[in-house]
Amino acid sequence: MKCLTQRKNGYYYFRKVIPDDVRHHDSAREFLLSLKTKHEIEAIFKAKSLLELSNRLLISARETCSKIMYKNSNQSNSSDIILAFMANVSIGNMNIKLEGSLDEVTTAINNLSGNKAKNKSHELNDVVIPDSPFIFAYEDDFFKYMRSMNYSSKTIILYFQHFKELKFVLKDARLSDLKDKKFVSDFLKIIYQLPARYDRKSSLEEILNVGLSPRPYGSATGTVTAFKSYLNYLMFKNILEENPINATLIPKKKKSFDKTGYASFSLEDLKRIFSDDLLKYSRKYPERYWLQVLALFTGARLSELLQLQVTDVFFDTSVPYLSINVNGNKYVKNKSSIRDIPLHPKILALGFKDYVEKIKMYRWENLFYFMKQEGNLCNATSTSSALGLYLKKQCSDTSNSQRKVFHSYRHTFITELQRMQVPLEIRQSIAGHSSQCITIDVYGEKTRLETMLDYIKNVDFHIDIPKLPNTSLHVQMRKQRERKEKE
């Protein structure tokens, strides 16, 4: 800010040259006033107010052909920076010193135009003196606070991107504007209406009127969450009394299964997926084969399958089963996701036990190879994307409203249980869905597994799945990939 200067003592000063055409011959050559602060953000806020007022003084002086008399003095006892500034100002031949309340100062300035500027009196209404800082005046302090609280660099960068958009939407809005519920509500509606990509050189009105689809609800919620965190910080610093954003003002997510749902696989889809093409696709990577077989006959989520270890598969029991648990570094979607799933006879017939035994022989802990990432045991996203390319190639076209992806295996399996009229509580136990119902967990472990298996073994998609041979190439490729990852 050009009118802001900092002296060696650390204090900031407001400084602005008085043009010769309106400066009295005995006046100082510039407006100069201590802002009485060493805090840059506070200084910017005060200086902006003085800049607006000094510009209004210059306009008034030119309109009335008057001269401005300013004495550089910081002797004023006023705690109001505006009044401290005006205490040093005299305007016009009458050499009237403007002092008093802010309203009196504003009225005096406007009255200087007199009859000479009668036609322009409406243009010189009350001086607009902001009653609060800009909303993002404390942005730098907030990010310093995030760093001091050891937020990850990834989170800070993400918040920085959110703030770019927030400042584009809110522009020069001030904290006092947030007291207006309509202002907050309109702001939130805009955030949720913005498209995923747009040109910030265009105006908001132009962007919203183009007719582009709004971004995903979760993306907009991330931006709002970042803003709420910032406002909570201002509350922590006693700058705000309360956070103006609450659940009642946030637009509700439109519940539309057509827009956000996954399509189940048709019989033709499954025949194409589990054809000889799958053997070629899995020639080097057996997890591509077994993940899809297990998903089809267990309904387990991809992240649950990727985290399976050899100790989570039990064959030497009356009912062979998979254990979805949180042992070690594993994670699950919710508490209900922790469960045991009986193995469909088809899975055993395809040689799953032989595959697990080979993994044990090489003393690998994890049943499947996957790319690890910091803070997570597995990267389900990258695996899902890779499998998604194969599924997209094999599956028939779907409507624009639904997708056929790896998660469609879960939908297909649960839909088949529903078609078979499997009781709700048993479906929930198999799929790991939460419910208020009393499930068969109240019975013994053996009874629970046997009861679920009685239904699972009747699931038949009427397709012939080719058997994947366990080759030495599989072992070789896994060793090679793990070696590269360590490097």
Foldseek 3Di string as FASTA:
>chain_A
DVQWDADPVQWIKGWAADDPQAADPQADRIQIETPPDNDPLSRVLLNVLVVLVVVLLNVLCVLLVKHKHFDPDQPDPDPDPVQSSQQRIAIGPVRDRDHDDLVSNLVVSLCSNPPSCVVCSVVSHGRDRDPFAFPCSCVVVVLVVCVVVVDDPVVSVVLVVLVVVVCLQCPRHGPVQLVDLVSVLVSLVLLQQADPDDDSVDHSVVRSPVPDGGYDPVVSVVSVVSSQVSVVVCVVVVNDVDRSDDPVSHDDDDDDCLAPPAAAADLQLVQLCQDVVQLVVCVQFVCLVLLLVCCLLQLEDLLQLQQFWLVQWDDPDPFTWGFRDCPDPGDDPDPLNGAIATDAVVSVVLPPVVLSVVCVVVPDTTSHDAQQDPPHRHDSPVVQVVSQVSSVVRGDDDDPRHHHTSSSSSVNNLVLLVVVVPDPLLSCRRNSNDDPDDHPPVDDPVVSNVVNNVSSNPDDSPYDHDHHDDDVSNVVSSVVVVVVSVD
